[in-house]
PDB file of N, CA and C in Angstrom:
ATOM      1  N   MET A   1     -11.713   2.416 -20.133  1.00  0.00           N
ATOM      2  CA  MET A   1     -12.916   1.970 -19.164  1.00  0.00           C
ATOM      3  C   MET A   1     -14.220   2.890 -19.639  1.00  0.00           C
ATOM      4  N   GLU A   2     -14.772   1.618 -19.889  1.00  0.00           N
ATOM      5  CA  GLU A   2     -15.682   1.994 -20.800  1.00  0.00           C
ATOM      6  C   GLU A   2     -17.080   0.741 -20.031  1.00  0.00           C
ATOM      7  N   VAL A   3     -18.199   1.101 -20.037  1.00  0.00           N
ATOM      8  CA  VAL A   3     -19.576   0.831 -19.713  1.00  0.00           C
ATOM      9  C   VAL A   3     -20.674   0.412 -20.724  1.00  0.00           C
ATOM     10  N   ILE A   4     -21.243  -0.619 -21.102  1.00  0.00           N
ATOM     11  CA  ILE A   4     -21.732  -0.653 -22.014  1.00  0.00           C
ATOM     12  C   ILE A   4     -22.572  -2.018 -21.443  1.00  0.00           C
ATOM     13  N   THR A   5     -24.163  -1.483 -21.469  1.00  0.00           N
ATOM     14  CA  THR A   5     -24.809  -2.676 -20.302  1.00  0.00           C
ATOM     15  C   THR A   5     -25.740  -3.386 -22.224  1.00  0.00           C
ATOM     16  N   LYS A   6     -26.110  -4.319 -21.885  1.00  0.00           N
ATOM     17  CA  LYS A   6     -26.575  -5.191 -22.525  1.00  0.00           C
ATOM     18  C   LYS A   6     -27.741  -6.006 -21.888  1.00  0.00           C
ATOM     19  N   GLU A   7     -29.428  -6.164 -21.941  1.00  0.00           N
ATOM     20  CA  GLU A   7     -30.289  -6.581 -22.142  1.00  0.00           C
ATOM     21  C   GLU A   7     -29.637  -6.288 -19.935  1.00  0.00           C
ATOM     22  N   ASN A   8     -29.759  -7.089 -19.549  1.00  0.00           N
ATOM     23  CA  ASN A   8     -29.394  -6.997 -17.914  1.00  0.00           C
ATOM     24  C   ASN A   8     -28.001  -7.209 -17.436  1.00  0.00           C
ATOM     25  N   ILE A   9     -27.523  -6.730 -18.514  1.00  0.00           N
ATOM     26  CA  ILE A   9     -25.948  -7.787 -18.347  1.00  0.00           C
ATOM     27  C   ILE A   9     -25.168  -6.229 -18.361  1.00  0.00           C
ATOM     28  N   GLN A  10     -24.549  -6.013 -17.217  1.00  0.00           N
ATOM     29  CA  GLN A  10     -23.086  -4.263 -17.191  1.00  0.00           C
ATOM     30  C   GLN A  10     -21.742  -5.382 -18.133  1.00  0.00           C
ATOM     31  N   ILE A  11     -21.066  -4.758 -19.304  1.00  0.00           N
ATOM     32  CA  ILE A  11     -20.182  -5.041 -19.428  1.00  0.00           C
ATOM     33  C   ILE A  11     -18.870  -3.723 -19.330  1.00  0.00           C
ATOM     34  N   LEU A  12     -17.909  -4.009 -18.290  1.00  0.00           N
ATOM     35  CA  LEU A  12     -16.904  -3.275 -17.828  1.00  0.00           C
ATOM     36  C   LEU A  12     -15.341  -3.924 -19.301  1.00  0.00           C
ATOM     37  N   LYS A  13     -15.413  -2.596 -19.940  1.00  0.00           N
ATOM     38  CA  LYS A  13     -14.175  -2.727 -20.514  1.00  0.00           C
ATOM     39  C   LYS A  13     -12.933  -2.156 -20.521  1.00  0.00           C
ATOM     40  N   LEU A  14     -12.311  -2.716 -19.720  1.00  0.00           N
ATOM     41  CA  LEU A  14     -10.982  -2.017 -19.438  1.00  0.00           C
ATOM     42  C   LEU A  14      -9.844  -2.612 -20.464  1.00  0.00           C
ATOM     43  N   THR A  15      -8.755  -1.838 -20.875  1.00  0.00           N
ATOM     44  CA  THR A  15      -8.057  -1.913 -22.378  1.00  0.00           C
ATOM     45  C   THR A  15      -6.321  -1.474 -21.642  1.00  0.00           C
ATOM     46  N   GLY A  16      -5.477  -1.873 -22.214  1.00  0.00           N
ATOM     47  CA  GLY A  16      -4.370  -1.409 -22.089  1.00  0.00           C
ATOM     48  C   GLY A  16      -4.112  -1.768 -20.970  1.00  0.00           C
ATOM     49  N   SER A  17      -3.010  -1.308 -20.287  1.00  0.00           N
ATOM     50  CA  SER A  17      -2.591  -0.995 -18.699  1.00  0.00           C
ATOM     51  C   SER A  17      -4.001  -0.439 -17.722  1.00  0.00           C
ATOM     52  N   VAL A  18      -4.321  -1.453 -16.374  1.00  0.00           N
ATOM     53  CA  VAL A  18      -5.097  -1.145 -15.536  1.00  0.00           C
ATOM     54  C   VAL A  18      -4.603  -1.518 -14.879  1.00  0.00           C
ATOM     55  N   LEU A  19      -4.590   0.597 -14.170  1.00  0.00           N
ATOM     56  CA  LEU A  19      -3.627   0.399 -13.075  1.00  0.00           C
ATOM     57  C   LEU A  19      -4.168   0.912 -12.022  1.00  0.00           C
ATOM     58  N   GLN A  20      -3.245   1.507 -10.829  1.00  0.00           N
ATOM     59  CA  GLN A  20      -4.076   1.938  -9.539  1.00  0.00           C
ATOM     60  C   GLN A  20      -4.801   3.247  -9.616  1.00  0.00           C
ATOM     61  N   SER A  21      -3.957   4.130 -10.941  1.00  0.00           N
ATOM     62  CA  SER A  21      -5.276   5.027 -11.301  1.00  0.00           C
ATOM     63  C   SER A  21      -6.471   5.610 -11.449  1.00  0.00           C
ATOM     64  N   GLU A  22      -7.154   3.947 -11.994  1.00  0.00           N
ATOM     65  CA  GLU A  22      -8.117   3.631 -12.505  1.00  0.00           C
ATOM     66  C   GLU A  22      -9.194   2.838 -11.770  1.00  0.00           C
ATOM     67  N   ALA A  23      -8.303   2.990  -9.793  1.00  0.00           N
ATOM     68  CA  ALA A  23      -9.182   2.388  -9.072  1.00  0.00           C
ATOM     69  C   ALA A  23     -10.222   2.885  -8.976  1.00  0.00           C
ATOM     70  N   GLU A  24     -10.651   4.336  -8.646  1.00  0.00           N
ATOM     71  CA  GLU A  24     -11.725   5.140  -8.069  1.00  0.00           C
ATOM     72  C   GLU A  24     -13.089   5.286  -8.841  1.00  0.00           C
ATOM     73  N   LYS A  25     -12.458   4.670 -10.623  1.00  0.00           N
ATOM     74  CA  LYS A  25     -13.715   4.625 -11.343  1.00  0.00           C
ATOM     75  C   LYS A  25     -13.814   3.399 -11.167  1.00  0.00           C
ATOM     76  N   PHE A  26     -13.519   2.283 -11.183  1.00  0.00           N
ATOM     77  CA  PHE A  26     -13.146   1.309 -10.887  1.00  0.00           C
ATOM     78  C   PHE A  26     -14.225   0.468  -9.662  1.00  0.00           C
ATOM     79  N   GLU A  27     -13.978   1.334  -8.751  1.00  0.00           N
ATOM     80  CA  GLU A  27     -14.794   1.446  -7.078  1.00  0.00           C
ATOM     81  C   GLU A  27     -16.252   2.033  -7.860  1.00  0.00           C
ATOM     82  N   THR A  28     -16.068   2.706  -8.118  1.00  0.00           N
ATOM     83  CA  THR A  28     -17.813   3.649  -8.803  1.00  0.00           C
ATOM     84  C   THR A  28     -18.625   2.909  -9.089  1.00  0.00           C
ATOM     85  N   PHE A  29     -17.993   2.167 -10.502  1.00  0.00           N
ATOM     86  CA  PHE A  29     -18.902   1.436 -11.025  1.00  0.00           C
ATOM     87  C   PHE A  29     -18.876   0.100 -10.119  1.00  0.00           C
ATOM     88  N   PHE A  30     -18.607  -0.264  -9.939  1.00  0.00           N
ATOM     89  CA  PHE A  30     -19.305  -1.414  -8.908  1.00  0.00           C
ATOM     90  C   PHE A  30     -19.885  -0.751  -7.832  1.00  0.00           C
ATOM     91  N   LYS A  31     -19.462   0.286  -7.045  1.00  0.00           N
ATOM     92  CA  LYS A  31     -20.404   0.646  -6.212  1.00  0.00           C
ATOM     93  C   LYS A  31     -22.055   1.167  -6.361  1.00  0.00           C
ATOM     94  N   ASN A  32     -21.905   1.853  -7.740  1.00  0.00           N
ATOM     95  CA  ASN A  32     -22.719   2.051  -8.200  1.00  0.00           C
ATOM     96  C   ASN A  32     -24.067   0.524  -8.892  1.00  0.00           C
ATOM     97  N   SER A  33     -23.316  -0.094  -9.171  1.00  0.00           N
ATOM     98  CA  SER A  33     -24.396  -1.629  -9.933  1.00  0.00           C
ATOM     99  C   SER A  33     -24.689  -1.983  -8.347  1.00  0.00           C
ATOM    100  N   ILE A  34     -23.987  -2.618  -7.490  1.00  0.00           N
ATOM    101  CA  ILE A  34     -24.714  -2.773  -6.541  1.00  0.00           C
ATOM    102  C   ILE A  34     -25.805  -2.277  -6.081  1.00  0.00           C
ATOM    103  N   GLU A  35     -25.467  -1.560  -5.475  1.00  0.00           N
ATOM    104  CA  GLU A  35     -27.299  -0.298  -5.172  1.00  0.00           C
ATOM    105  C   GLU A  35     -27.675  -0.434  -6.441  1.00  0.00           C
ATOM    106  N   LYS A  36     -27.589  -0.022  -7.871  1.00  0.00           N
ATOM    107  CA  LYS A  36     -28.883  -0.379  -8.761  1.00  0.00           C
ATOM    108  C   LYS A  36     -29.057  -1.691  -8.984  1.00  0.00           C
ATOM    109  N   LYS A  37     -29.236  -2.477  -8.065  1.00  0.00           N
ATOM    110  CA  LYS A  37     -29.084  -4.595  -8.295  1.00  0.00           C
ATOM    111  C   LYS A  37     -28.392  -4.617  -9.417  1.00  0.00           C
ATOM    112  N   ASN A  38     -27.958  -4.586 -10.393  1.00  0.00           N
ATOM    113  CA  ASN A  38     -27.712  -4.472 -11.407  1.00  0.00           C
ATOM    114  C   ASN A  38     -26.194  -5.768 -11.758  1.00  0.00           C
ATOM    115  N   THR A  39     -25.966  -6.594 -10.987  1.00  0.00           N
ATOM    116  CA  THR A  39     -24.677  -7.062 -10.850  1.00  0.00           C
ATOM    117  C   THR A  39     -24.574  -8.799 -11.529  1.00  0.00           C
ATOM    118  N   ASN A  40     -24.842  -8.274 -12.849  1.00  0.00           N
ATOM    119  CA  ASN A  40     -24.254  -9.618 -13.707  1.00  0.00           C
ATOM    120  C   ASN A  40     -23.921  -8.975 -14.451  1.00  0.00           C
ATOM    121  N   ILE A  41     -22.205  -9.065 -14.343  1.00  0.00           N
ATOM    122  CA  ILE A  41     -21.356  -8.041 -14.791  1.00  0.00           C
ATOM    123  C   ILE A  41     -20.295  -9.438 -15.626  1.00  0.00           C
ATOM    124  N   VAL A  42     -19.830  -8.271 -16.771  1.00  0.00           N
ATOM    125  CA  VAL A  42     -18.492  -8.881 -17.129  1.00  0.00           C
ATOM    126  C   VAL A  42     -17.367  -7.708 -17.681  1.00  0.00           C
ATOM    127  N   VAL A  43     -16.751  -8.418 -17.099  1.00  0.00           N
ATOM    128  CA  VAL A  43     -15.151  -7.103 -17.324  1.00  0.00           C
ATOM    129  C   VAL A  43     -14.626  -7.786 -17.875  1.00  0.00           C
ATOM    130  N   ASP A  44     -14.274  -7.488 -19.646  1.00  0.00           N
ATOM    131  CA  ASP A  44     -13.770  -7.549 -20.315  1.00  0.00           C
ATOM    132  C   ASP A  44     -12.215  -6.610 -20.876  1.00  0.00           C
ATOM    133  N   LEU A  45     -11.570  -8.230 -20.863  1.00  0.00           N
ATOM    134  CA  LEU A  45     -10.455  -7.712 -20.183  1.00  0.00           C
ATOM    135  C   LEU A  45      -9.409  -7.984 -22.202  1.00  0.00           C
ATOM    136  N   THR A  46     -10.149  -8.413 -22.922  1.00  0.00           N
ATOM    137  CA  THR A  46      -9.792  -8.418 -24.533  1.00  0.00           C
ATOM    138  C   THR A  46      -8.798  -7.581 -24.985  1.00  0.00           C
ATOM    139  N   GLU A  47      -8.780  -6.567 -24.444  1.00  0.00           N
ATOM    140  CA  GLU A  47      -8.229  -5.243 -24.892  1.00  0.00           C
ATOM    141  C   GLU A  47      -7.206  -5.157 -23.885  1.00  0.00           C
ATOM    142  N   ALA A  48      -6.813  -5.520 -22.635  1.00  0.00           N
ATOM    143  CA  ALA A  48      -6.199  -5.355 -21.592  1.00  0.00           C
ATOM    144  C   ALA A  48      -4.583  -6.044 -21.584  1.00  0.00           C
ATOM    145  N   ASN A  49      -3.629  -5.791 -21.251  1.00  0.00           N
ATOM    146  CA  ASN A  49      -2.311  -6.900 -21.014  1.00  0.00           C
ATOM    147  C   ASN A  49      -1.735  -6.958 -20.001  1.00  0.00           C
ATOM    148  N   HIS A  50      -2.277  -5.651 -18.548  1.00  0.00           N
ATOM    149  CA  HIS A  50      -1.444  -5.956 -17.689  1.00  0.00           C
ATOM    150  C   HIS A  50      -3.169  -5.337 -16.344  1.00  0.00           C
ATOM    151  N   ILE A  51      -2.510  -5.737 -15.682  1.00  0.00           N
ATOM    152  CA  ILE A  51      -4.145  -5.722 -14.503  1.00  0.00           C
ATOM    153  C   ILE A  51      -2.611  -5.372 -13.242  1.00  0.00           C
ATOM    154  N   CYS A  52      -3.290  -3.828 -12.054  1.00  0.00           N
ATOM    155  CA  CYS A  52      -2.428  -3.896 -11.171  1.00  0.00           C
ATOM    156  C   CYS A  52      -2.804  -4.795 -10.006  1.00  0.00           C
ATOM    157  N   SER A  53      -2.087  -4.580  -8.907  1.00  0.00           N
ATOM    158  CA  SER A  53      -2.943  -5.856  -7.787  1.00  0.00           C
ATOM    159  C   SER A  53      -3.812  -5.101  -7.154  1.00  0.00           C
ATOM    160  N   SER A  54      -3.687  -4.324  -7.077  1.00  0.00           N
ATOM    161  CA  SER A  54      -5.377  -3.209  -5.964  1.00  0.00           C
ATOM    162  C   SER A  54      -6.147  -3.866  -6.814  1.00  0.00           C
ATOM    163  N   ILE A  55      -6.015  -3.486  -8.379  1.00  0.00           N
ATOM    164  CA  ILE A  55      -7.262  -3.950  -9.195  1.00  0.00           C
ATOM    165  C   ILE A  55      -7.689  -5.200  -8.908  1.00  0.00           C
ATOM    166  N   LEU A  56      -6.799  -6.436  -8.604  1.00  0.00           N
ATOM    167  CA  LEU A  56      -7.362  -7.633  -8.726  1.00  0.00           C
ATOM    168  C   LEU A  56      -8.288  -8.246  -7.283  1.00  0.00           C
ATOM    169  N   GLY A  57      -7.191  -6.770  -6.431  1.00  0.00           N
ATOM    170  CA  GLY A  57      -8.078  -7.234  -5.187  1.00  0.00           C
ATOM    171  C   GLY A  57      -9.638  -5.974  -5.003  1.00  0.00           C
ATOM    172  N   GLN A  58      -9.816  -5.620  -5.682  1.00  0.00           N
ATOM    173  CA  GLN A  58     -10.819  -5.306  -5.927  1.00  0.00           C
ATOM    174  C   GLN A  58     -11.470  -5.944  -6.179  1.00  0.00           C
ATOM    175  N   LEU A  59     -11.846  -6.734  -7.616  1.00  0.00           N
ATOM    176  CA  LEU A  59     -12.261  -7.518  -8.357  1.00  0.00           C
ATOM    177  C   LEU A  59     -12.409  -8.693  -7.403  1.00  0.00           C
ATOM    178  N   VAL A  60     -12.145  -9.345  -6.510  1.00  0.00           N
ATOM    179  CA  VAL A  60     -12.208 -10.406  -5.826  1.00  0.00           C
ATOM    180  C   VAL A  60     -12.817  -9.554  -4.439  1.00  0.00           C
ATOM    181  N   PHE A  61     -12.684  -8.661  -3.578  1.00  0.00           N
ATOM    182  CA  PHE A  61     -14.068  -8.152  -3.440  1.00  0.00           C
ATOM    183  C   PHE A  61     -15.115  -8.021  -3.591  1.00  0.00           C
ATOM    184  N   TYR A  62     -15.025  -7.262  -5.038  1.00  0.00           N
ATOM    185  CA  TYR A  62     -16.886  -6.875  -5.691  1.00  0.00           C
ATOM    186  C   TYR A  62     -17.349  -7.975  -5.770  1.00  0.00           C
ATOM    187  N   LYS A  63     -16.755  -9.670  -6.252  1.00  0.00           N
ATOM    188  CA  LYS A  63     -16.971 -10.999  -6.352  1.00  0.00           C
ATOM    189  C   LYS A  63     -17.730 -10.999  -5.054  1.00  0.00           C
ATOM    190  N   ASN A  64     -16.818 -11.262  -4.604  1.00  0.00           N
ATOM    191  CA  ASN A  64     -18.494 -11.146  -3.194  1.00  0.00           C
ATOM    192  C   ASN A  64     -19.262 -10.517  -2.587  1.00  0.00           C
ATOM    193  N   SER A  65     -18.952  -9.914  -3.274  1.00  0.00           N
ATOM    194  CA  SER A  65     -20.211  -7.789  -2.535  1.00  0.00           C
ATOM    195  C   SER A  65     -21.463  -8.560  -3.788  1.00  0.00           C
ATOM    196  N   VAL A  66     -21.338  -8.991  -5.139  1.00  0.00           N
ATOM    197  CA  VAL A  66     -22.111  -9.419  -5.834  1.00  0.00           C
ATOM    198  C   VAL A  66     -22.453 -10.137  -5.834  1.00  0.00           C
ATOM    199  N   LYS A  67     -22.271 -11.430  -5.133  1.00  0.00           N
ATOM    200  CA  LYS A  67     -22.451 -12.764  -4.873  1.00  0.00           C
ATOM    201  C   LYS A  67     -23.462 -12.462  -4.017  1.00  0.00           C
ATOM    202  N   SER A  68     -23.855 -11.591  -3.115  1.00  0.00           N
ATOM    203  CA  SER A  68     -24.842 -11.414  -1.951  1.00  0.00           C
ATOM    204  C   SER A  68     -25.911 -11.512  -2.591  1.00  0.00           C
ATOM    205  N   THR A  69     -25.962 -10.944  -3.750  1.00  0.00           N
ATOM    206  CA  THR A  69     -27.526  -9.891  -4.647  1.00  0.00           C
ATOM    207  C   THR A  69     -27.377 -10.534  -5.561  1.00  0.00           C
ATOM    208  N   SER A  70     -27.372 -12.296  -5.423  1.00  0.00           N
ATOM    209  CA  SER A  70     -26.738 -13.582  -6.143  1.00  0.00           C
ATOM    210  C   SER A  70     -26.637 -12.810  -7.568  1.00  0.00           C
ATOM    211  N   GLY A  71     -25.826 -11.916  -7.480  1.00  0.00           N
ATOM    212  CA  GLY A  71     -24.812 -11.529  -9.416  1.00  0.00           C
ATOM    213  C   GLY A  71     -23.755 -12.486  -9.345  1.00  0.00           C
ATOM    214  N   ASP A  72     -22.630 -11.633  -9.903  1.00  0.00           N
ATOM    215  CA  ASP A  72     -21.579 -12.580 -10.636  1.00  0.00           C
ATOM    216  C   ASP A  72     -20.641 -11.378 -11.087  1.00  0.00           C
ATOM    217  N   ILE A  73     -19.640 -11.725 -11.891  1.00  0.00           N
ATOM    218  CA  ILE A  73     -18.193 -11.345 -12.379  1.00  0.00           C
ATOM    219  C   ILE A  73     -17.673 -12.008 -13.117  1.00  0.00           C
ATOM    220  N   LYS A  74     -18.036 -12.313 -14.317  1.00  0.00           N
ATOM    221  CA  LYS A  74     -17.027 -13.078 -15.223  1.00  0.00           C
ATOM    222  C   LYS A  74     -16.054 -12.506 -15.777  1.00  0.00           C
ATOM    223  N   LEU A  75     -14.797 -13.485 -16.341  1.00  0.00           N
ATOM    224  CA  LEU A  75     -14.101 -12.361 -16.914  1.00  0.00           C
ATOM    225  C   LEU A  75     -14.003 -12.501 -18.833  1.00  0.00           C
ATOM    226  N   VAL A  76     -13.575 -11.517 -19.686  1.00  0.00           N
ATOM    227  CA  VAL A  76     -12.691 -12.128 -20.736  1.00  0.00           C
ATOM    228  C   VAL A  76     -11.529 -11.751 -21.018  1.00  0.00           C
ATOM    229  N   ILE A  77     -10.945 -12.789 -21.073  1.00  0.00           N
ATOM    230  CA  ILE A  77      -9.700 -12.397 -21.056  1.00  0.00           C
ATOM    231  C   ILE A  77      -8.430 -13.359 -22.372  1.00  0.00           C
ATOM    232  N   VAL A  78      -7.885 -12.624 -23.304  1.00  0.00           N
ATOM    233  CA  VAL A  78      -7.510 -13.459 -24.469  1.00  0.00           C
ATOM    234  C   VAL A  78      -5.512 -13.311 -24.230  1.00  0.00           C
ATOM    235  N   ASP A  79      -5.166 -11.714 -23.779  1.00  0.00           N
ATOM    236  CA  ASP A  79      -4.121 -11.794 -23.690  1.00  0.00           C
ATOM    237  C   ASP A  79      -3.013 -13.266 -22.634  1.00  0.00           C
ATOM    238  N   GLU A  80      -2.361 -14.111 -22.888  1.00  0.00           N
ATOM    239  CA  GLU A  80      -1.884 -15.308 -22.387  1.00  0.00           C
ATOM    240  C   GLU A  80      -1.312 -14.694 -20.933  1.00  0.00           C
ATOM    241  N   ASP A  81      -0.227 -13.677 -20.936  1.00  0.00           N
ATOM    242  CA  ASP A  81       0.364 -13.123 -20.040  1.00  0.00           C
ATOM    243  C   ASP A  81      -0.762 -12.911 -18.946  1.00  0.00           C
ATOM    244  N   LEU A  82      -1.510 -12.524 -19.552  1.00  0.00           N
ATOM    245  CA  LEU A  82      -2.983 -11.917 -18.397  1.00  0.00           C
ATOM    246  C   LEU A  82      -3.803 -13.279 -18.232  1.00  0.00           C
ATOM    247  N   LEU A  83      -3.833 -13.517 -18.675  1.00  0.00           N
ATOM    248  CA  LEU A  83      -4.463 -15.668 -18.178  1.00  0.00           C
ATOM    249  C   LEU A  83      -3.347 -15.890 -17.277  1.00  0.00           C
ATOM    250  N   GLU A  84      -2.202 -15.642 -17.289  1.00  0.00           N
ATOM    251  CA  GLU A  84      -1.450 -16.898 -16.648  1.00  0.00           C
ATOM    252  C   GLU A  84      -1.181 -16.277 -14.792  1.00  0.00           C
ATOM    253  N   LEU A  85      -0.627 -14.963 -15.036  1.00  0.00           N
ATOM    254  CA  LEU A  85      -1.532 -14.040 -13.628  1.00  0.00           C
ATOM    255  C   LEU A  85      -2.454 -14.135 -13.381  1.00  0.00           C
ATOM    256  N   PHE A  86      -3.896 -14.384 -13.890  1.00  0.00           N
ATOM    257  CA  PHE A  86      -4.827 -15.690 -12.698  1.00  0.00           C
ATOM    258  C   PHE A  86      -4.664 -16.608 -12.372  1.00  0.00           C
ATOM    259  N   GLU A  87      -3.620 -17.771 -13.118  1.00  0.00           N
ATOM    260  CA  GLU A  87      -3.665 -19.308 -13.128  1.00  0.00           C
ATOM    261  C   GLU A  87      -2.654 -19.333 -12.017  1.00  0.00           C
ATOM    262  N   ILE A  88      -1.762 -17.859 -11.804  1.00  0.00           N
ATOM    263  CA  ILE A  88      -0.446 -18.320 -10.619  1.00  0.00           C
ATOM    264  C   ILE A  88      -1.208 -17.731  -9.602  1.00  0.00           C
ATOM    265  N   THR A  89      -2.026 -17.066  -9.966  1.00  0.00           N
ATOM    266  CA  THR A  89      -2.775 -15.902  -8.281  1.00  0.00           C
ATOM    267  C   THR A  89      -3.406 -16.904  -8.091  1.00  0.00           C
ATOM    268  N   LEU A  90      -4.042 -18.315  -8.472  1.00  0.00           N
ATOM    269  CA  LEU A  90      -5.231 -19.353  -8.246  1.00  0.00           C
ATOM    270  C   LEU A  90      -6.659 -17.975  -8.616  1.00  0.00           C
ATOM    271  N   LEU A  91      -6.704 -17.440  -8.481  1.00  0.00           N
ATOM    272  CA  LEU A  91      -7.483 -16.651  -9.622  1.00  0.00           C
ATOM    273  C   LEU A  91      -8.764 -17.140  -9.825  1.00  0.00           C
ATOM    274  N   ASN A  92      -8.255 -17.724 -11.751  1.00  0.00           N
ATOM    275  CA  ASN A  92      -9.083 -18.429 -12.164  1.00  0.00           C
ATOM    276  C   ASN A  92      -9.901 -19.300 -11.826  1.00  0.00           C
ATOM    277  N   LYS A  93      -9.314 -19.760 -10.223  1.00  0.00           N
ATOM    278  CA  LYS A  93     -10.293 -20.418  -9.111  1.00  0.00           C
ATOM    279  C   LYS A  93     -11.593 -19.749  -8.875  1.00  0.00           C
ATOM    280  N   VAL A  94     -11.662 -18.124  -8.692  1.00  0.00           N
ATOM    281  CA  VAL A  94     -12.748 -17.534  -8.325  1.00  0.00           C
ATOM    282  C   VAL A  94     -13.332 -16.946  -8.867  1.00  0.00           C
ATOM    283  N   PHE A  95     -12.144 -17.475 -10.784  1.00  0.00           N
ATOM    284  CA  PHE A  95     -13.705 -16.314 -11.418  1.00  0.00           C
ATOM    285  C   PHE A  95     -14.282 -16.858 -12.144  1.00  0.00           C
ATOM    286  N   HIS A  96     -15.323 -16.810 -13.224  1.00  0.00           N
ATOM    287  CA  HIS A  96     -15.481 -18.183 -14.024  1.00  0.00           C
ATOM    288  C   HIS A  96     -14.730 -17.336 -15.253  1.00  0.00           C
ATOM    289  N   ILE A  97     -13.736 -17.338 -16.358  1.00  0.00           N
ATOM    290  CA  ILE A  97     -13.275 -17.109 -17.145  1.00  0.00           C
ATOM    291  C   ILE A  97     -13.412 -17.552 -18.651  1.00  0.00           C
ATOM    292  N   TYR A  98     -13.855 -16.749 -20.061  1.00  0.00           N
ATOM    293  CA  TYR A  98     -13.878 -16.902 -20.925  1.00  0.00           C
ATOM    294  C   TYR A  98     -12.972 -16.521 -21.674  1.00  0.00           C
ATOM    295  N   ASN A  99     -12.678 -16.853 -23.217  1.00  0.00           N
ATOM    296  CA  ASN A  99     -11.996 -16.561 -24.295  1.00  0.00           C
ATOM    297  C   ASN A  99     -12.197 -15.440 -25.197  1.00  0.00           C
ATOM    298  N   ASN A 100     -14.304 -15.453 -25.048  1.00  0.00           N
ATOM    299  CA  ASN A 100     -15.013 -14.815 -25.976  1.00  0.00           C
ATOM    300  C   ASN A 100     -16.077 -13.783 -25.328  1.00  0.00           C
ATOM    301  N   LEU A 101     -16.338 -13.015 -25.445  1.00  0.00           N
ATOM    302  CA  LEU A 101     -17.281 -11.663 -24.921  1.00  0.00           C
ATOM    303  C   LEU A 101     -18.933 -12.435 -24.936  1.00  0.00           C
ATOM    304  N   GLU A 102     -19.109 -12.919 -26.424  1.00  0.00           N
ATOM    305  CA  GLU A 102     -20.263 -13.271 -26.461  1.00  0.00           C
ATOM    306  C   GLU A 102     -21.042 -14.442 -25.822  1.00  0.00           C
ATOM    307  N   TYR A 103     -20.082 -15.755 -25.853  1.00  0.00           N
ATOM    308  CA  TYR A 103     -19.834 -16.610 -24.797  1.00  0.00           C
ATOM    309  C   TYR A 103     -20.312 -16.378 -23.192  1.00  0.00           C
ATOM    310  N   ALA A 104     -19.308 -15.275 -22.600  1.00  0.00           N
ATOM    311  CA  ALA A 104     -19.047 -14.821 -21.523  1.00  0.00           C
ATOM    312  C   ALA A 104     -20.961 -14.417 -21.327  1.00  0.00           C
ATOM    313  N   ILE A 105     -21.516 -13.756 -22.540  1.00  0.00           N
ATOM    314  CA  ILE A 105     -22.694 -13.298 -22.199  1.00  0.00           C
ATOM    315  C   ILE A 105     -23.408 -14.002 -22.392  1.00  0.00           C
ATOM    316  N   ARG A 106     -23.572 -14.491 -22.670  1.00  0.00           N
ATOM    317  CA  ARG A 106     -24.808 -16.146 -22.792  1.00  0.00           C
ATOM    318  C   ARG A 106     -24.767 -16.842 -21.664  1.00  0.00           C
ATOM    319  N   THR A 107     -23.648 -16.827 -21.058  1.00  0.00           N
ATOM    320  CA  THR A 107     -23.750 -17.863 -19.602  1.00  0.00           C
ATOM    321  C   THR A 107     -24.812 -17.029 -18.523  1.00  0.00           C
ATOM    322  N   TYR A 108     -25.077 -15.838 -18.835  1.00  0.00           N
ATOM    323  CA  TYR A 108     -26.117 -15.374 -18.134  1.00  0.00           C
ATOM    324  C   TYR A 108     -27.829 -15.773 -18.798  1.00  0.00           C
ATOM    325  N   GLN A 109     -27.783 -16.042 -19.562  1.00  0.00           N
ATOM    326  CA  GLN A 109     -29.150 -16.000 -20.232  1.00  0.00           C
ATOM    327  C   GLN A 109     -29.422 -17.705 -19.692  1.00  0.00           C
TER     328      GLN A 109
END
């Protein structure tokens, strides 16, 4: 997990299999972001190929939390299987999903 700040946007880059073992770091990132009101967030999943259900649940929870501070969480997904997971779970209706990081960033500007 890597965090990059670009202007007023935080980019959370996740790679490989995003598992329960990363939940604490994931939670810390979002809590700190909300506390500091840095809630324009892009979760970059371009190098991820799996995401566990607990991380999906956290994404939904924090989506609602950042929304209350006028922020948003946008996702970048290129893996077909991962995209299908978001479609099957209807999370593609909850999140704005892009296939290009730069485009996702530009939507905040």
